[in-house]
Amino acid sequence: MKITAIRIHHVEWERGPYHWRDGIKPYGPIAHTALLRILTDEGVEGWSPYRGGADIEEIKWKLIGVDPLDRERIWQDFWRNLRTSQLGHAIGPVDVALWDLYGKVTGLPVYRLLGGMRDAIPAYASTVTLDSIGEFMALADECLALGYKAIKLHAWGRLEQDAELCRALRRHVGEEIVLMYDASSMFNIFEDALWFGRQLEEANYFWYEEPMDHFNITALARLAAALDIPLATAEATHGGPWDALTHIRNGAADIILTGPLDLYKGGFTGVLKTAHICEGFGVMCAIHGGSIASLHAALAIYNTKYFERLVPATYYTPPGIVDASTDIGPDGMARPWNKPGLGIEVDWPWVEAHTVGVEE
């Protein structure tokens, strides 16, 4: 089997505006996704929806004529050339698409090919940033009604107001619901980050995510040593498995965040390497993001506890490219569909109607 072509469909659809913390530009009403397709001479295709930004000419130069089943060889070739290219935008989606293709060749779901640790995993609802505490409480009620038993806040990045929100949410949902908080690297004065961590500890939060500058290993290690609540870090840094090892060895992470489609995390192949490093140190490897690739990764590895599902789901999921990542059961569990590969279902007429460009 040989790779014969690469195509990237750029798709846009209307889904309403939303925003993250202070300092991050709000997102407008038009959403964009890219669908990477790896085509072969045997008619089998590998797919990966992602944000876009990869250099298709470089991907083609690397992949055309290559056996798509040589995933490790391809991964190593991409990884060794990240320093001088745009392949960091491509290594995740390319690796995911190759595993999707392998699943279609074997007739097995990707999570089983990766290891098949479990067939279902608890999901947590990961919020957008809303404008008031009342809106957050209403969204929490919606999440609980859908079956979620864990919620992660993305708030404003305002020290006092975020702390008030975190306390209010704990009072609102009670002690049985697992809560997390993501600072998106906002609190870069050590005393502020420490004070906020103490508020989370008092409110019995499960983890404290990205509290300080994600490149400041020294400050993160100091903070991790001072707090009892676990720090979840390394989401936004480059370096994949080796970056995870640096965080762990320096005491800057109690939980490592990684994701198949994050820049420089390395797709499924990189996630497996990262998870195994974490396992050797007894560290949880939390899968970042709510994509179908993230669901398969979370189902496959031993040392993770949750699947992150971004809410409201309509902000992130194109109506014509659907998969199991949005199916959260009334028991709060995420489950795969019993389909080969990633199990993505593409409504091609919808995709064609919403395509704004095709690269090939």
Protein backbone atom coordinates (compact mmCIF):
# COMPACT_ATOMS: atom_id res chain seq x y z
CA MET A 1 0.00 0.00 0.00
CA LYS A 2 1.27 3.47 -0.93
CA ILE A 3 0.05 7.00 -0.22
CA THR A 4 -1.04 8.60 -3.49
CA ALA A 5 -2.52 11.95 -2.49
CA ILE A 6 -3.19 14.39 0.34
CA ARG A 7 -6.30 16.59 0.48
CA ILE A 8 -7.31 19.18 3.03
CA HIS A 9 -10.90 20.44 2.99
CA HIS A 10 -11.41 23.78 4.72
CA VAL A 11 -14.94 24.02 6.07
CA GLU A 12 -16.81 26.90 7.68
CA TRP A 13 -20.19 27.01 9.42
CA GLU A 14 -22.14 29.37 11.65
CA ARG A 15 -22.21 28.50 15.36
CA GLY A 16 -22.39 31.73 17.36
CA PRO A 17 -19.63 33.75 19.08
CA TYR A 18 -17.88 32.84 22.33
CA HIS A 19 -14.79 33.81 24.31
CA TRP A 20 -12.12 32.63 26.76
CA ARG A 21 -10.36 34.51 29.52
CA ASP A 22 -9.38 38.18 29.51
CA GLY A 23 -6.64 38.94 27.02
CA ILE A 24 -7.64 36.27 24.49
CA LYS A 25 -9.40 37.55 21.39
CA PRO A 26 -13.06 36.43 21.29
CA TYR A 27 -14.14 33.99 18.61
CA GLY A 28 -16.65 35.23 16.05
CA PRO A 29 -19.83 33.53 14.84
CA ILE A 30 -18.13 31.56 12.04
CA ALA A 31 -16.33 28.34 12.96
CA HIS A 32 -13.60 26.75 10.86
CA THR A 33 -12.31 23.21 10.68
CA ALA A 34 -10.03 21.37 8.29
CA LEU A 35 -10.46 17.75 7.26
CA LEU A 36 -7.18 16.07 6.35
CA ARG A 37 -7.51 13.08 4.00
CA ILE A 38 -4.66 10.66 3.25
CA LEU A 39 -5.49 8.67 0.10
CA THR A 40 -3.89 5.37 -0.98
CA ASP A 41 -3.56 3.19 -4.07
CA GLU A 42 -5.85 0.60 -2.46
CA GLY A 43 -8.74 3.00 -1.98
CA VAL A 44 -8.49 3.17 1.81
CA GLU A 45 -8.41 6.69 3.29
CA GLY A 46 -7.31 8.06 6.63
CA TRP A 47 -9.13 11.11 8.01
CA SER A 48 -8.42 13.67 10.71
CA PRO A 49 -10.45 16.81 11.46
CA TYR A 50 -8.23 19.57 12.93
CA ARG A 51 -7.85 23.34 13.12
CA GLY A 52 -5.69 23.77 10.04
CA GLY A 53 -2.38 25.55 9.49
CA ALA A 54 -0.30 22.70 8.08
CA ASP A 55 1.83 23.13 4.93
CA ILE A 56 0.33 20.69 2.44
CA GLU A 57 3.32 20.87 0.11
CA GLU A 58 5.64 19.72 2.88
CA ILE A 59 3.21 16.97 3.91
CA LYS A 60 3.02 15.74 0.32
CA TRP A 61 6.81 15.85 -0.01
CA LYS A 62 7.07 13.67 3.08
CA LEU A 63 4.23 11.22 2.41
CA ILE A 64 3.55 10.61 -1.29
CA GLY A 65 4.78 7.14 -2.21
CA VAL A 66 5.26 6.06 1.43
CA ASP A 67 3.60 3.00 3.01
CA PRO A 68 0.97 4.47 5.40
CA LEU A 69 1.33 1.52 7.78
CA ASP A 70 4.87 2.62 8.66
CA ARG A 71 3.52 4.98 11.30
CA GLU A 72 6.56 4.99 13.60
CA ARG A 73 8.96 5.63 10.72
CA ILE A 74 6.79 8.51 9.49
CA TRP A 75 6.44 9.91 13.02
CA GLN A 76 10.19 9.90 13.60
CA ASP A 77 10.80 11.56 10.23
CA PHE A 78 8.32 14.34 10.99
CA TRP A 79 9.54 14.81 14.56
CA ARG A 80 13.22 15.08 13.62
CA ASN A 81 12.40 17.94 11.26
CA LEU A 82 10.12 20.06 13.46
CA ARG A 83 12.89 22.57 14.20
CA THR A 84 13.11 23.86 10.61
CA SER A 85 9.61 23.43 9.21
CA GLN A 86 5.88 23.85 9.68
CA LEU A 87 5.44 20.15 10.41
CA GLY A 88 4.46 20.93 14.00
CA HIS A 89 1.03 21.88 12.65
CA ALA A 90 0.88 18.60 10.75
CA ILE A 91 2.41 15.89 12.92
CA GLY A 92 -0.72 15.49 15.07
CA PRO A 93 -3.35 15.33 12.31
CA VAL A 94 -1.11 13.24 10.02
CA ASP A 95 -0.46 10.67 12.75
CA VAL A 96 -4.16 10.58 13.70
CA ALA A 97 -5.15 10.08 10.04
CA LEU A 98 -2.61 7.25 9.67
CA TRP A 99 -4.06 5.46 12.70
CA ASP A 100 -7.58 6.02 11.31
CA LEU A 101 -6.42 4.42 8.05
CA TYR A 102 -4.87 1.50 9.93
CA GLY A 103 -8.14 0.96 11.77
CA LYS A 104 -10.00 0.81 8.47
CA VAL A 105 -7.47 -1.70 7.10
CA THR A 106 -7.83 -3.96 10.16
CA GLY A 107 -11.53 -3.32 10.77
CA LEU A 108 -10.84 -2.24 14.37
CA PRO A 109 -11.45 1.02 16.29
CA VAL A 110 -8.31 3.02 16.95
CA TYR A 111 -8.56 2.77 20.74
CA ARG A 112 -8.28 -1.02 20.51
CA LEU A 113 -5.25 -0.79 18.23
CA LEU A 114 -3.64 1.61 20.72
CA GLY A 115 -4.14 -0.77 23.63
CA GLY A 116 -7.83 -0.93 24.48
CA MET A 117 -7.59 -0.14 28.19
CA ARG A 118 -11.34 0.49 28.54
CA ASP A 119 -14.56 0.68 26.54
CA ALA A 120 -15.98 3.71 28.36
CA ILE A 121 -14.55 6.61 30.38
CA PRO A 122 -16.06 9.34 32.59
CA ALA A 123 -16.40 12.65 30.74
CA TYR A 124 -16.02 16.08 32.26
CA ALA A 125 -17.74 19.16 30.89
CA SER A 126 -15.17 21.80 29.95
CA THR A 127 -16.82 25.22 29.79
CA VAL A 128 -16.33 28.25 27.61
CA THR A 129 -16.03 31.55 29.48
CA LEU A 130 -19.38 33.14 30.27
CA ASP A 131 -20.23 36.66 31.42
CA SER A 132 -21.62 36.11 34.90
CA ILE A 133 -21.69 33.65 37.78
CA GLY A 134 -25.38 33.09 37.10
CA GLU A 135 -24.67 31.98 33.54
CA PHE A 136 -22.02 29.54 34.80
CA MET A 137 -24.50 28.09 37.29
CA ALA A 138 -27.09 27.66 34.53
CA LEU A 139 -24.55 25.91 32.29
CA ALA A 140 -23.56 23.65 35.19
CA ASP A 141 -27.23 22.67 35.61
CA GLU A 142 -27.42 21.81 31.91
CA CYS A 143 -24.28 19.68 32.18
CA LEU A 144 -25.56 17.81 35.22
CA ALA A 145 -28.87 17.19 33.49
CA LEU A 146 -26.95 15.64 30.57
CA GLY A 147 -25.26 13.22 32.95
CA TYR A 148 -21.88 14.86 33.58
CA LYS A 149 -20.44 14.27 37.04
CA ALA A 150 -17.39 16.49 36.58
CA ILE A 151 -16.97 20.09 35.36
CA LYS A 152 -13.93 22.20 34.47
CA LEU A 153 -14.12 25.99 34.54
CA HIS A 154 -12.55 28.33 32.02
CA ALA A 155 -13.18 31.68 33.69
CA TRP A 156 -12.01 35.29 33.33
CA GLY A 157 -8.50 35.14 34.74
CA ARG A 158 -9.43 37.68 37.43
CA LEU A 159 -8.06 36.63 40.78
CA GLU A 160 -10.87 37.59 43.17
CA GLN A 161 -13.76 37.09 40.75
CA ASP A 162 -12.55 33.69 39.60
CA ALA A 163 -12.17 32.60 43.22
CA GLU A 164 -15.71 33.77 43.95
CA LEU A 165 -16.95 31.79 40.93
CA CYS A 166 -15.11 28.65 42.03
CA ARG A 167 -16.59 28.83 45.53
CA ALA A 168 -20.07 29.53 44.13
CA LEU A 169 -19.90 26.54 41.79
CA ARG A 170 -18.89 24.21 44.63
CA ARG A 171 -21.83 25.43 46.73
CA HIS A 172 -24.15 25.06 43.73
CA VAL A 173 -23.27 21.50 42.71
CA GLY A 174 -22.40 20.05 46.13
CA GLU A 175 -19.49 17.89 47.17
CA GLU A 176 -20.21 14.86 44.98
CA ILE A 177 -19.37 16.57 41.68
CA VAL A 178 -15.70 16.66 40.64
CA LEU A 179 -14.51 20.18 39.79
CA MET A 180 -11.40 21.44 38.00
CA TYR A 181 -10.18 24.95 37.19
CA ASP A 182 -8.08 26.12 34.22
CA ALA A 183 -6.26 29.45 34.66
CA SER A 184 -4.90 29.42 31.09
CA SER A 185 -1.50 30.59 32.44
CA MET A 186 -2.96 33.82 33.85
CA PHE A 187 -1.53 34.10 37.40
CA ASN A 188 2.16 34.86 36.89
CA ILE A 189 2.91 36.43 40.26
CA PHE A 190 3.77 33.53 42.54
CA GLU A 191 1.83 34.85 45.54
CA ASP A 192 -1.30 35.24 43.38
CA ALA A 193 -1.03 31.72 42.00
CA LEU A 194 -0.43 30.34 45.49
CA TRP A 195 -3.36 32.25 47.00
CA PHE A 196 -5.68 31.02 44.25
CA GLY A 197 -4.51 27.46 44.69
CA ARG A 198 -5.39 27.69 48.39
CA GLN A 199 -8.94 28.78 47.44
CA LEU A 200 -9.26 25.73 45.20
CA GLU A 201 -8.00 23.47 47.95
CA GLU A 202 -10.60 24.83 50.37
CA ALA A 203 -13.31 24.27 47.76
CA ASN A 204 -12.08 20.69 47.14
CA TYR A 205 -11.16 21.07 43.46
CA PHE A 206 -9.60 18.06 41.76
CA TRP A 207 -6.87 19.90 39.84
CA TYR A 208 -5.41 23.36 39.15
CA GLU A 209 -4.59 23.66 35.45
CA GLU A 210 -1.93 25.87 33.84
CA PRO A 211 -1.80 28.40 36.72
CA MET A 212 1.34 30.25 35.58
CA ASP A 213 3.41 30.86 32.46
CA HIS A 214 3.66 27.44 30.88
CA PHE A 215 7.37 27.87 30.08
CA ASN A 216 8.28 28.88 33.65
CA ILE A 217 9.34 25.46 34.94
CA THR A 218 11.02 26.98 38.00
CA ALA A 219 7.92 28.84 39.19
CA LEU A 220 5.63 25.87 38.48
CA ALA A 221 7.89 23.56 40.49
CA ARG A 222 7.88 26.01 43.38
CA LEU A 223 4.08 26.24 43.24
CA ALA A 224 3.61 22.46 43.00
CA ALA A 225 5.76 22.02 46.11
CA ALA A 226 3.74 24.60 48.06
CA LEU A 227 0.25 23.27 47.24
CA ASP A 228 -1.61 20.05 47.96
CA ILE A 229 -3.94 20.36 44.95
CA PRO A 230 -2.38 18.68 41.88
CA LEU A 231 -1.03 20.98 39.17
CA ALA A 232 -2.00 19.96 35.62
CA THR A 233 0.60 21.45 33.27
CA ALA A 234 2.45 21.10 29.93
CA GLU A 235 -0.63 21.65 27.75
CA ALA A 236 0.77 24.57 25.76
CA THR A 237 4.47 23.71 25.64
CA HIS A 238 6.27 22.08 22.75
CA GLY A 239 8.33 18.92 22.93
CA GLY A 240 5.80 16.15 23.43
CA PRO A 241 7.17 13.23 25.49
CA TRP A 242 10.48 14.94 26.23
CA ASP A 243 8.77 18.08 27.48
CA ALA A 244 6.61 15.90 29.75
CA LEU A 245 9.74 14.29 31.13
CA THR A 246 11.29 17.72 31.79
CA HIS A 247 8.21 18.83 33.73
CA ILE A 248 8.13 15.65 35.80
CA ARG A 249 11.85 15.55 36.57
CA ASN A 250 11.75 19.19 37.69
CA GLY A 251 8.69 18.75 39.90
CA ALA A 252 6.63 21.12 37.76
CA ALA A 253 3.71 18.76 37.10
CA ASP A 254 1.52 16.47 39.18
CA ILE A 255 -0.55 15.77 36.06
CA ILE A 256 0.73 16.02 32.48
CA LEU A 257 -1.64 17.37 29.83
CA THR A 258 -1.18 16.11 26.29
CA GLY A 259 -3.38 15.68 23.26
CA PRO A 260 -3.34 13.96 19.88
CA LEU A 261 -4.02 17.17 17.95
CA ASP A 262 -2.10 19.73 20.02
CA LEU A 263 0.87 21.39 18.35
CA TYR A 264 4.07 19.41 18.82
CA LYS A 265 2.40 16.72 20.96
CA GLY A 266 2.73 14.13 18.22
CA GLY A 267 -0.66 12.57 17.57
CA PHE A 268 -1.50 9.14 18.97
CA THR A 269 2.11 8.00 18.67
CA GLY A 270 3.32 10.95 20.75
CA VAL A 271 0.54 10.49 23.31
CA LEU A 272 1.48 6.83 23.84
CA LYS A 273 5.14 7.78 24.39
CA THR A 274 4.09 10.53 26.82
CA ALA A 275 1.66 8.30 28.71
CA HIS A 276 4.30 5.61 29.18
CA ILE A 277 6.83 8.12 30.52
CA CYS A 278 4.19 9.39 32.95
CA GLU A 279 3.29 5.85 33.99
CA GLY A 280 6.92 5.17 34.87
CA PHE A 281 6.78 8.05 37.35
CA GLY A 282 3.30 7.22 38.65
CA VAL A 283 1.92 10.43 37.08
CA MET A 284 -1.51 10.88 35.54
CA CYS A 285 -1.52 11.68 31.82
CA ALA A 286 -4.63 13.77 31.12
CA ILE A 287 -5.78 13.91 27.51
CA HIS A 288 -6.40 17.49 26.37
CA GLY A 289 -9.28 18.41 24.09
CA GLY A 290 -12.69 17.05 23.19
CA SER A 291 -12.03 15.60 19.73
CA ILE A 292 -12.75 12.05 18.66
CA ALA A 293 -8.98 11.49 18.63
CA SER A 294 -8.82 12.54 22.28
CA LEU A 295 -11.59 10.08 23.13
CA HIS A 296 -9.74 7.17 21.51
CA ALA A 297 -6.53 8.18 23.32
CA ALA A 298 -8.30 8.38 26.68
CA LEU A 299 -9.84 4.94 26.14
CA ALA A 300 -6.48 3.44 25.24
CA ILE A 301 -4.09 4.46 28.01
CA TYR A 302 -4.01 3.27 31.60
CA ASN A 303 -3.03 6.41 33.54
CA THR A 304 -5.85 8.77 32.66
CA LYS A 305 -9.19 9.28 34.39
CA TYR A 306 -11.38 11.51 32.20
CA PHE A 307 -12.33 12.54 28.69
CA GLU A 308 -12.65 16.31 28.23
CA ARG A 309 -15.84 17.29 26.40
CA LEU A 310 -16.08 20.98 25.54
CA VAL A 311 -19.47 22.55 26.20
CA PRO A 312 -21.69 23.76 24.70
CA ALA A 313 -20.80 21.09 22.10
CA THR A 314 -22.38 23.10 19.27
CA TYR A 315 -19.46 25.58 19.41
CA TYR A 316 -16.97 22.93 18.31
CA THR A 317 -18.71 20.17 16.35
CA PRO A 318 -19.54 20.72 12.66
CA PRO A 319 -22.99 19.32 11.84
CA GLY A 320 -21.66 17.42 8.82
CA ILE A 321 -18.63 15.75 10.43
CA VAL A 322 -19.90 13.74 13.38
CA ASP A 323 -18.48 11.12 15.72
CA ALA A 324 -18.85 9.55 19.18
CA SER A 325 -17.16 12.41 21.05
CA THR A 326 -20.45 14.23 21.61
CA ASP A 327 -22.34 11.16 22.88
CA ILE A 328 -22.18 11.49 26.65
CA GLY A 329 -24.44 8.94 28.27
CA PRO A 330 -26.86 9.67 31.12
CA ASP A 331 -24.29 7.99 33.39
CA GLY A 332 -21.70 10.64 32.46
CA MET A 333 -19.63 8.18 30.41
CA ALA A 334 -18.17 8.65 26.93
CA ARG A 335 -18.14 5.61 24.68
CA PRO A 336 -16.82 4.92 21.17
CA TRP A 337 -18.92 3.75 18.30
CA ASN A 338 -18.10 0.22 17.18
CA LYS A 339 -16.66 1.36 13.86
CA PRO A 340 -13.25 0.92 12.23
CA GLY A 341 -10.69 3.69 12.69
CA LEU A 342 -11.88 6.86 14.39
CA GLY A 343 -15.49 6.13 13.48
CA ILE A 344 -16.10 9.51 11.84
CA GLU A 345 -19.23 9.92 9.74
CA VAL A 346 -18.94 12.56 7.00
CA ASP A 347 -21.98 14.06 5.31
CA TRP A 348 -20.21 14.89 2.05
CA PRO A 349 -23.03 17.03 0.58
CA TRP A 350 -22.91 19.16 3.76
CA VAL A 351 -19.10 19.35 3.60
CA GLU A 352 -19.18 20.36 -0.06
CA ALA A 353 -21.78 23.03 0.63
CA HIS A 354 -19.65 24.49 3.45
CA THR A 355 -16.21 24.07 1.90
CA VAL A 356 -14.35 27.35 1.34
CA GLY A 357 -11.27 25.75 -0.19
CA VAL A 358 -9.55 22.45 -0.94
CA GLU A 359 -5.78 21.99 -0.93
CA GLU A 360 -4.32 19.04 -2.82
